[in-house]
N, C-alpha and C. Protein backbone atom coordinates (compact mmCIF):
# COMPACT_ATOMS: atom_id res chain seq x y z
N MET A 1 -71.64 7.96 154.85
CA MET A 1 -71.43 8.95 155.89
C MET A 1 -70.60 8.32 157.02
N GLU A 2 -69.63 9.05 157.48
CA GLU A 2 -68.78 8.60 158.57
C GLU A 2 -69.58 8.51 159.87
N SER A 3 -69.27 7.50 160.69
CA SER A 3 -69.94 7.32 161.98
C SER A 3 -68.99 7.66 163.12
N ILE A 4 -69.55 8.18 164.20
CA ILE A 4 -68.78 8.50 165.40
C ILE A 4 -69.54 8.00 166.62
N LEU A 5 -68.85 7.32 167.51
CA LEU A 5 -69.43 6.87 168.77
C LEU A 5 -69.37 8.04 169.74
N VAL A 6 -70.49 8.34 170.40
CA VAL A 6 -70.56 9.48 171.33
C VAL A 6 -71.18 9.00 172.64
N SER A 7 -70.57 9.40 173.76
CA SER A 7 -71.15 9.09 175.06
C SER A 7 -72.60 9.56 175.09
N ALA A 8 -73.50 8.67 175.47
CA ALA A 8 -74.93 8.99 175.45
C ALA A 8 -75.26 10.18 176.34
N CYS A 9 -74.55 10.36 177.45
CA CYS A 9 -74.83 11.50 178.34
C CYS A 9 -74.56 12.82 177.64
N LEU A 10 -73.61 12.83 176.71
CA LEU A 10 -73.32 14.05 175.95
C LEU A 10 -74.43 14.38 174.96
N ARG A 11 -75.27 13.40 174.67
CA ARG A 11 -76.38 13.58 173.73
C ARG A 11 -77.70 13.85 174.45
N GLY A 12 -77.63 14.07 175.76
CA GLY A 12 -78.83 14.42 176.52
C GLY A 12 -79.51 13.27 177.22
N VAL A 13 -78.94 12.08 177.15
CA VAL A 13 -79.52 10.92 177.84
C VAL A 13 -79.10 10.97 179.31
N PRO A 14 -80.05 10.94 180.24
CA PRO A 14 -79.70 11.03 181.66
C PRO A 14 -79.20 9.69 182.21
N CYS A 15 -78.01 9.29 181.79
CA CYS A 15 -77.48 7.97 182.13
C CYS A 15 -76.23 8.03 183.00
N ARG A 16 -75.79 9.23 183.39
CA ARG A 16 -74.62 9.33 184.27
C ARG A 16 -74.92 8.71 185.63
N PHE A 17 -73.92 8.53 186.44
CA PHE A 17 -74.12 7.92 187.76
C PHE A 17 -75.15 8.67 188.58
N ASP A 18 -75.25 9.98 188.39
CA ASP A 18 -76.19 10.81 189.14
C ASP A 18 -77.52 11.01 188.40
N ALA A 19 -77.74 10.21 187.35
CA ALA A 19 -78.97 10.24 186.54
C ALA A 19 -79.17 11.57 185.83
N ARG A 20 -78.06 12.22 185.50
CA ARG A 20 -78.13 13.46 184.73
C ARG A 20 -77.43 13.26 183.39
N ALA A 21 -77.71 14.17 182.49
CA ALA A 21 -76.98 14.23 181.22
C ALA A 21 -75.92 15.30 181.35
N LYS A 22 -75.06 15.40 180.39
CA LYS A 22 -73.99 16.41 180.40
C LYS A 22 -73.81 16.91 178.98
N GLU A 23 -74.90 17.46 178.41
CA GLU A 23 -74.86 17.91 177.02
C GLU A 23 -73.78 18.98 176.82
N SER A 24 -73.20 18.94 175.62
CA SER A 24 -72.13 19.88 175.29
C SER A 24 -72.33 20.37 173.87
N GLU A 25 -72.52 21.67 173.73
CA GLU A 25 -72.66 22.24 172.38
C GLU A 25 -71.39 22.04 171.58
N GLU A 26 -70.24 22.18 172.24
CA GLU A 26 -68.97 21.99 171.55
C GLU A 26 -68.84 20.56 171.03
N ALA A 27 -69.27 19.59 171.84
CA ALA A 27 -69.23 18.19 171.41
C ALA A 27 -70.17 17.97 170.24
N ALA A 28 -71.35 18.56 170.30
CA ALA A 28 -72.32 18.41 169.21
C ALA A 28 -71.75 18.96 167.90
N GLU A 29 -71.03 20.07 167.99
CA GLU A 29 -70.43 20.67 166.80
C GLU A 29 -69.39 19.75 166.17
N LEU A 30 -68.64 19.02 167.01
CA LEU A 30 -67.62 18.10 166.49
C LEU A 30 -68.23 16.91 165.76
N ALA A 31 -69.48 16.60 166.05
CA ALA A 31 -70.14 15.45 165.43
C ALA A 31 -70.95 15.82 164.19
N VAL A 32 -71.03 17.09 163.87
CA VAL A 32 -71.82 17.54 162.72
C VAL A 32 -71.32 16.86 161.45
N GLY A 33 -72.28 16.42 160.64
CA GLY A 33 -71.95 15.79 159.37
C GLY A 33 -71.62 14.32 159.48
N ARG A 34 -71.76 13.75 160.67
CA ARG A 34 -71.48 12.34 160.88
C ARG A 34 -72.71 11.63 161.44
N ARG A 35 -72.78 10.36 161.22
CA ARG A 35 -73.84 9.56 161.83
C ARG A 35 -73.40 9.28 163.27
N ILE A 36 -74.22 9.70 164.22
CA ILE A 36 -73.89 9.59 165.63
C ILE A 36 -74.42 8.28 166.20
N VAL A 37 -73.54 7.55 166.86
CA VAL A 37 -73.90 6.32 167.56
C VAL A 37 -73.78 6.62 169.05
N SER A 38 -74.92 6.86 169.71
CA SER A 38 -74.93 7.17 171.15
C SER A 38 -74.79 5.88 171.94
N PHE A 39 -73.95 5.93 172.98
CA PHE A 39 -73.71 4.71 173.74
C PHE A 39 -73.27 5.05 175.15
N CYS A 40 -73.81 4.34 176.15
CA CYS A 40 -73.35 4.46 177.53
C CYS A 40 -72.79 3.10 177.95
N PRO A 41 -71.48 2.98 178.07
CA PRO A 41 -70.90 1.69 178.43
C PRO A 41 -71.27 1.22 179.83
N GLU A 42 -71.47 2.13 180.75
CA GLU A 42 -71.80 1.71 182.11
C GLU A 42 -73.18 1.07 182.17
N VAL A 43 -74.14 1.67 181.48
CA VAL A 43 -75.48 1.07 181.41
C VAL A 43 -75.42 -0.24 180.62
N ALA A 44 -74.68 -0.23 179.51
CA ALA A 44 -74.55 -1.44 178.69
C ALA A 44 -73.89 -2.58 179.47
N GLY A 45 -73.06 -2.22 180.44
CA GLY A 45 -72.41 -3.23 181.28
C GLY A 45 -73.28 -3.75 182.40
N GLY A 46 -74.50 -3.21 182.51
CA GLY A 46 -75.45 -3.72 183.50
C GLY A 46 -75.62 -2.87 184.74
N LEU A 47 -75.00 -1.69 184.78
CA LEU A 47 -75.15 -0.83 185.95
C LEU A 47 -76.42 0.01 185.85
N ALA A 48 -77.03 0.27 186.98
CA ALA A 48 -78.29 1.02 187.04
C ALA A 48 -78.02 2.52 186.95
N THR A 49 -79.07 3.25 186.68
CA THR A 49 -79.04 4.71 186.73
C THR A 49 -80.17 5.14 187.65
N PRO A 50 -79.91 5.88 188.72
CA PRO A 50 -78.59 6.30 189.18
C PRO A 50 -77.81 5.13 189.79
N ARG A 51 -76.52 5.37 190.04
CA ARG A 51 -75.65 4.36 190.63
C ARG A 51 -74.61 5.07 191.50
N ARG A 52 -73.92 4.31 192.31
CA ARG A 52 -72.88 4.87 193.17
C ARG A 52 -71.72 5.37 192.29
N PRO A 53 -71.05 6.43 192.71
CA PRO A 53 -69.86 6.87 191.98
C PRO A 53 -68.79 5.77 192.02
N ALA A 54 -68.06 5.64 190.92
CA ALA A 54 -66.98 4.65 190.84
C ALA A 54 -65.74 5.32 190.27
N GLU A 55 -64.59 4.85 190.70
CA GLU A 55 -63.32 5.34 190.20
C GLU A 55 -62.37 4.17 190.03
N ILE A 56 -61.37 4.36 189.21
CA ILE A 56 -60.36 3.33 188.99
C ILE A 56 -59.32 3.42 190.09
N VAL A 57 -59.02 2.29 190.71
CA VAL A 57 -58.04 2.23 191.79
C VAL A 57 -56.87 1.37 191.31
N GLY A 58 -55.67 1.94 191.37
CA GLY A 58 -54.48 1.18 191.02
C GLY A 58 -53.98 1.38 189.60
N GLY A 59 -54.49 2.42 188.93
CA GLY A 59 -54.04 2.69 187.56
C GLY A 59 -55.12 3.36 186.75
N ASP A 60 -55.17 3.02 185.47
CA ASP A 60 -56.21 3.58 184.60
C ASP A 60 -56.89 2.43 183.86
N GLY A 61 -57.65 2.77 182.82
CA GLY A 61 -58.39 1.75 182.08
C GLY A 61 -57.51 0.71 181.43
N HIS A 62 -56.31 1.10 180.99
CA HIS A 62 -55.38 0.12 180.43
C HIS A 62 -54.99 -0.91 181.49
N ALA A 63 -54.73 -0.43 182.70
CA ALA A 63 -54.38 -1.34 183.80
C ALA A 63 -55.56 -2.24 184.16
N VAL A 64 -56.79 -1.69 184.08
CA VAL A 64 -57.97 -2.53 184.33
C VAL A 64 -58.03 -3.65 183.30
N LEU A 65 -57.85 -3.31 182.03
CA LEU A 65 -57.88 -4.33 180.97
C LEU A 65 -56.76 -5.35 181.14
N ASP A 66 -55.64 -4.92 181.69
CA ASP A 66 -54.51 -5.83 181.92
C ASP A 66 -54.65 -6.62 183.22
N GLY A 67 -55.70 -6.31 184.02
CA GLY A 67 -55.94 -7.04 185.26
C GLY A 67 -55.16 -6.55 186.46
N THR A 68 -54.55 -5.36 186.37
CA THR A 68 -53.74 -4.86 187.48
C THR A 68 -54.39 -3.69 188.23
N ALA A 69 -55.57 -3.28 187.82
CA ALA A 69 -56.32 -2.22 188.52
C ALA A 69 -57.79 -2.64 188.54
N ARG A 70 -58.55 -2.00 189.40
CA ARG A 70 -59.96 -2.33 189.57
C ARG A 70 -60.80 -1.06 189.52
N VAL A 71 -62.10 -1.22 189.19
CA VAL A 71 -63.04 -0.11 189.27
C VAL A 71 -63.88 -0.37 190.52
N ILE A 72 -63.85 0.60 191.42
CA ILE A 72 -64.45 0.44 192.74
C ILE A 72 -65.45 1.57 193.00
N GLU A 73 -66.61 1.22 193.55
CA GLU A 73 -67.58 2.24 193.97
C GLU A 73 -67.10 2.90 195.25
N ASP A 74 -67.70 4.04 195.59
CA ASP A 74 -67.32 4.74 196.81
C ASP A 74 -67.68 3.94 198.07
N THR A 75 -68.46 2.88 197.91
CA THR A 75 -68.79 2.00 199.04
C THR A 75 -67.77 0.87 199.20
N GLY A 76 -66.87 0.73 198.22
CA GLY A 76 -65.90 -0.35 198.23
C GLY A 76 -66.28 -1.53 197.34
N ARG A 77 -67.47 -1.51 196.78
CA ARG A 77 -67.92 -2.60 195.91
C ARG A 77 -67.14 -2.58 194.59
N ASP A 78 -66.66 -3.74 194.18
CA ASP A 78 -65.90 -3.88 192.95
C ASP A 78 -66.87 -4.04 191.78
N VAL A 79 -66.81 -3.10 190.82
CA VAL A 79 -67.68 -3.14 189.64
C VAL A 79 -66.86 -3.27 188.36
N THR A 80 -65.66 -3.80 188.50
CA THR A 80 -64.76 -3.95 187.35
C THR A 80 -65.41 -4.73 186.22
N ALA A 81 -66.04 -5.85 186.54
CA ALA A 81 -66.63 -6.71 185.50
C ALA A 81 -67.66 -5.95 184.67
N ALA A 82 -68.47 -5.12 185.31
CA ALA A 82 -69.48 -4.35 184.58
C ALA A 82 -68.81 -3.32 183.66
N PHE A 83 -67.74 -2.70 184.11
CA PHE A 83 -67.05 -1.71 183.28
C PHE A 83 -66.37 -2.36 182.08
N VAL A 84 -65.79 -3.53 182.29
CA VAL A 84 -65.16 -4.24 181.17
C VAL A 84 -66.22 -4.72 180.18
N ALA A 85 -67.32 -5.26 180.70
CA ALA A 85 -68.40 -5.71 179.82
C ALA A 85 -68.96 -4.55 179.00
N GLY A 86 -69.15 -3.41 179.63
CA GLY A 86 -69.64 -2.23 178.92
C GLY A 86 -68.67 -1.76 177.85
N ALA A 87 -67.38 -1.81 178.15
CA ALA A 87 -66.36 -1.43 177.17
C ALA A 87 -66.39 -2.37 175.97
N GLU A 88 -66.53 -3.65 176.24
CA GLU A 88 -66.60 -4.63 175.15
C GLU A 88 -67.83 -4.40 174.27
N ARG A 89 -68.94 -4.05 174.89
CA ARG A 89 -70.16 -3.76 174.12
C ARG A 89 -70.02 -2.47 173.32
N ALA A 90 -69.34 -1.48 173.89
CA ALA A 90 -69.09 -0.23 173.16
C ALA A 90 -68.22 -0.50 171.93
N LEU A 91 -67.21 -1.33 172.10
CA LEU A 91 -66.34 -1.68 170.97
C LEU A 91 -67.15 -2.42 169.90
N ALA A 92 -68.00 -3.35 170.31
CA ALA A 92 -68.82 -4.08 169.35
C ALA A 92 -69.75 -3.14 168.59
N ALA A 93 -70.36 -2.19 169.29
CA ALA A 93 -71.26 -1.23 168.64
C ALA A 93 -70.48 -0.35 167.67
N ALA A 94 -69.30 0.09 168.08
CA ALA A 94 -68.48 0.95 167.21
C ALA A 94 -68.09 0.19 165.94
N ARG A 95 -67.69 -1.05 166.10
CA ARG A 95 -67.31 -1.85 164.93
C ARG A 95 -68.52 -2.09 164.02
N GLN A 96 -69.64 -2.44 164.61
CA GLN A 96 -70.85 -2.73 163.83
C GLN A 96 -71.29 -1.52 163.03
N GLN A 97 -71.14 -0.33 163.61
CA GLN A 97 -71.59 0.90 162.95
C GLN A 97 -70.49 1.58 162.13
N GLY A 98 -69.30 0.98 162.09
CA GLY A 98 -68.22 1.54 161.29
C GLY A 98 -67.59 2.79 161.86
N CYS A 99 -67.61 2.95 163.16
CA CYS A 99 -67.02 4.13 163.80
C CYS A 99 -65.49 4.02 163.79
N THR A 100 -64.85 5.10 163.40
CA THR A 100 -63.39 5.17 163.45
C THR A 100 -62.93 6.15 164.52
N GLU A 101 -63.89 6.84 165.13
CA GLU A 101 -63.59 7.83 166.15
C GLU A 101 -64.68 7.79 167.22
N ALA A 102 -64.29 8.19 168.44
CA ALA A 102 -65.25 8.28 169.54
C ALA A 102 -65.05 9.61 170.25
N LEU A 103 -66.15 10.20 170.66
CA LEU A 103 -66.16 11.45 171.42
C LEU A 103 -66.78 11.11 172.77
N LEU A 104 -65.96 11.12 173.82
CA LEU A 104 -66.39 10.57 175.09
C LEU A 104 -66.32 11.57 176.24
N MET A 105 -67.06 11.25 177.29
CA MET A 105 -67.16 12.08 178.49
C MET A 105 -65.82 12.14 179.23
N PRO A 106 -65.29 13.33 179.45
CA PRO A 106 -64.01 13.46 180.15
C PRO A 106 -64.03 12.93 181.58
N ARG A 107 -62.90 12.43 182.02
CA ARG A 107 -62.61 12.03 183.41
C ARG A 107 -63.38 10.82 183.90
N SER A 108 -64.29 10.30 183.13
CA SER A 108 -65.10 9.14 183.52
C SER A 108 -64.25 7.88 183.63
N PRO A 109 -64.56 6.99 184.59
CA PRO A 109 -63.82 5.73 184.67
C PRO A 109 -64.08 4.83 183.45
N SER A 110 -65.13 5.11 182.70
CA SER A 110 -65.38 4.40 181.44
C SER A 110 -64.80 5.18 180.27
N CYS A 111 -65.21 6.42 180.15
CA CYS A 111 -65.01 7.19 178.92
C CYS A 111 -63.86 8.19 178.97
N GLY A 112 -63.27 8.41 180.11
CA GLY A 112 -62.21 9.41 180.22
C GLY A 112 -61.08 9.17 179.24
N ARG A 113 -60.55 10.25 178.67
CA ARG A 113 -59.43 10.15 177.74
C ARG A 113 -58.38 11.18 178.15
N GLY A 114 -57.21 10.70 178.55
CA GLY A 114 -56.13 11.60 178.94
C GLY A 114 -56.10 11.91 180.42
N ALA A 115 -57.24 11.83 181.09
CA ALA A 115 -57.30 12.06 182.54
C ALA A 115 -58.54 11.35 183.10
N VAL A 116 -58.36 10.76 184.27
CA VAL A 116 -59.46 10.12 184.99
C VAL A 116 -59.33 10.49 186.47
N TYR A 117 -60.42 10.33 187.21
CA TYR A 117 -60.34 10.56 188.64
C TYR A 117 -59.39 9.54 189.25
N ASP A 118 -58.71 9.95 190.33
CA ASP A 118 -57.56 9.20 190.84
C ASP A 118 -57.87 8.02 191.75
N GLY A 119 -59.13 7.72 192.02
CA GLY A 119 -59.47 6.58 192.86
C GLY A 119 -59.65 6.90 194.32
N SER A 120 -59.47 8.18 194.69
CA SER A 120 -59.60 8.59 196.10
C SER A 120 -60.97 9.18 196.41
N PHE A 121 -61.78 9.42 195.38
CA PHE A 121 -63.08 10.06 195.51
C PHE A 121 -62.97 11.46 196.10
N GLY A 122 -61.82 12.09 195.88
CA GLY A 122 -61.58 13.45 196.36
C GLY A 122 -61.63 14.50 195.27
N GLY A 123 -62.00 14.11 194.05
CA GLY A 123 -62.11 15.06 192.96
C GLY A 123 -60.80 15.34 192.23
N GLU A 124 -59.74 14.59 192.56
CA GLU A 124 -58.44 14.79 191.91
C GLU A 124 -58.34 13.89 190.68
N TRP A 125 -57.55 14.35 189.70
CA TRP A 125 -57.36 13.60 188.46
C TRP A 125 -55.93 13.11 188.35
N VAL A 126 -55.77 12.06 187.55
CA VAL A 126 -54.44 11.58 187.17
C VAL A 126 -54.46 11.35 185.66
N ALA A 127 -53.29 11.33 185.07
CA ALA A 127 -53.19 11.05 183.64
C ALA A 127 -53.64 9.61 183.40
N GLY A 128 -54.38 9.40 182.33
CA GLY A 128 -54.80 8.05 181.98
C GLY A 128 -56.12 8.05 181.24
N ASP A 129 -56.59 6.86 180.94
CA ASP A 129 -57.82 6.67 180.18
C ASP A 129 -58.79 5.80 180.97
N GLY A 130 -60.08 5.97 180.69
CA GLY A 130 -61.10 5.09 181.24
C GLY A 130 -61.06 3.74 180.53
N VAL A 131 -61.82 2.80 181.03
CA VAL A 131 -61.81 1.43 180.51
C VAL A 131 -62.26 1.37 179.06
N THR A 132 -63.37 2.03 178.74
CA THR A 132 -63.87 2.02 177.36
C THR A 132 -62.92 2.76 176.43
N ALA A 133 -62.44 3.91 176.85
CA ALA A 133 -61.50 4.67 176.03
C ALA A 133 -60.26 3.82 175.73
N ALA A 134 -59.75 3.13 176.73
CA ALA A 134 -58.56 2.29 176.55
C ALA A 134 -58.83 1.16 175.55
N LEU A 135 -59.98 0.50 175.68
CA LEU A 135 -60.29 -0.61 174.78
C LEU A 135 -60.49 -0.13 173.35
N LEU A 136 -61.18 0.99 173.19
CA LEU A 136 -61.37 1.54 171.84
C LEU A 136 -60.02 1.89 171.21
N GLU A 137 -59.17 2.59 171.95
CA GLU A 137 -57.85 2.97 171.44
C GLU A 137 -57.03 1.73 171.06
N ARG A 138 -57.07 0.72 171.90
CA ARG A 138 -56.33 -0.52 171.61
C ARG A 138 -56.80 -1.18 170.32
N ASN A 139 -58.00 -0.86 169.92
CA ASN A 139 -58.57 -1.47 168.74
C ASN A 139 -58.67 -0.50 167.56
N GLY A 140 -57.86 0.54 167.60
CA GLY A 140 -57.72 1.43 166.46
C GLY A 140 -58.79 2.50 166.29
N ILE A 141 -59.60 2.71 167.31
CA ILE A 141 -60.61 3.77 167.25
C ILE A 141 -60.06 4.99 167.99
N ARG A 142 -59.98 6.10 167.29
CA ARG A 142 -59.45 7.34 167.86
C ARG A 142 -60.44 7.86 168.89
N VAL A 143 -59.95 8.16 170.10
CA VAL A 143 -60.81 8.63 171.17
C VAL A 143 -60.44 10.07 171.51
N ARG A 144 -61.47 10.91 171.58
CA ARG A 144 -61.29 12.32 171.96
C ARG A 144 -62.19 12.62 173.15
N PRO A 145 -61.67 13.38 174.13
CA PRO A 145 -62.55 13.83 175.21
C PRO A 145 -63.44 14.95 174.68
N ALA A 146 -64.68 14.96 175.11
CA ALA A 146 -65.60 16.02 174.67
C ALA A 146 -65.21 17.34 175.31
N PRO A 147 -65.13 18.40 174.52
CA PRO A 147 -64.81 19.71 175.10
C PRO A 147 -66.05 20.33 175.76
N GLY A 148 -65.81 21.25 176.65
CA GLY A 148 -66.90 22.05 177.21
C GLY A 148 -67.69 21.37 178.30
N VAL A 149 -67.19 20.26 178.86
CA VAL A 149 -67.91 19.61 179.97
C VAL A 149 -66.99 19.39 181.14
């Protein structure tokens, strides 16, 4: 059976920064017939739930992996290391479970695919990927944003 990595918050785990889940029926339908590997890279990277909101400043997840952008909380605290560690653990879990695809939370600084918040904490988006999405893509795992959230 094919395996798919899915953001844990989409599976009903209250692990988002605000300690809520973000279940999506549309996302659940996309995973039907596959073995689901639920994963929260932010928690895996050592961040607490709940936690301060964080956004990527200076680029997107690819820039974070390249060392030219940072993940910063709304207080100014740099949490880049935790986001990178969580992305590395997500990649390890995906490889261990044989995942070739990931279904991730849109706009997240970890899981966003195609768009992430712009780093101003004003609710605006820019084109780009979160740190985990970028690392998975770089390693040949197809990343899709979950619909309906």
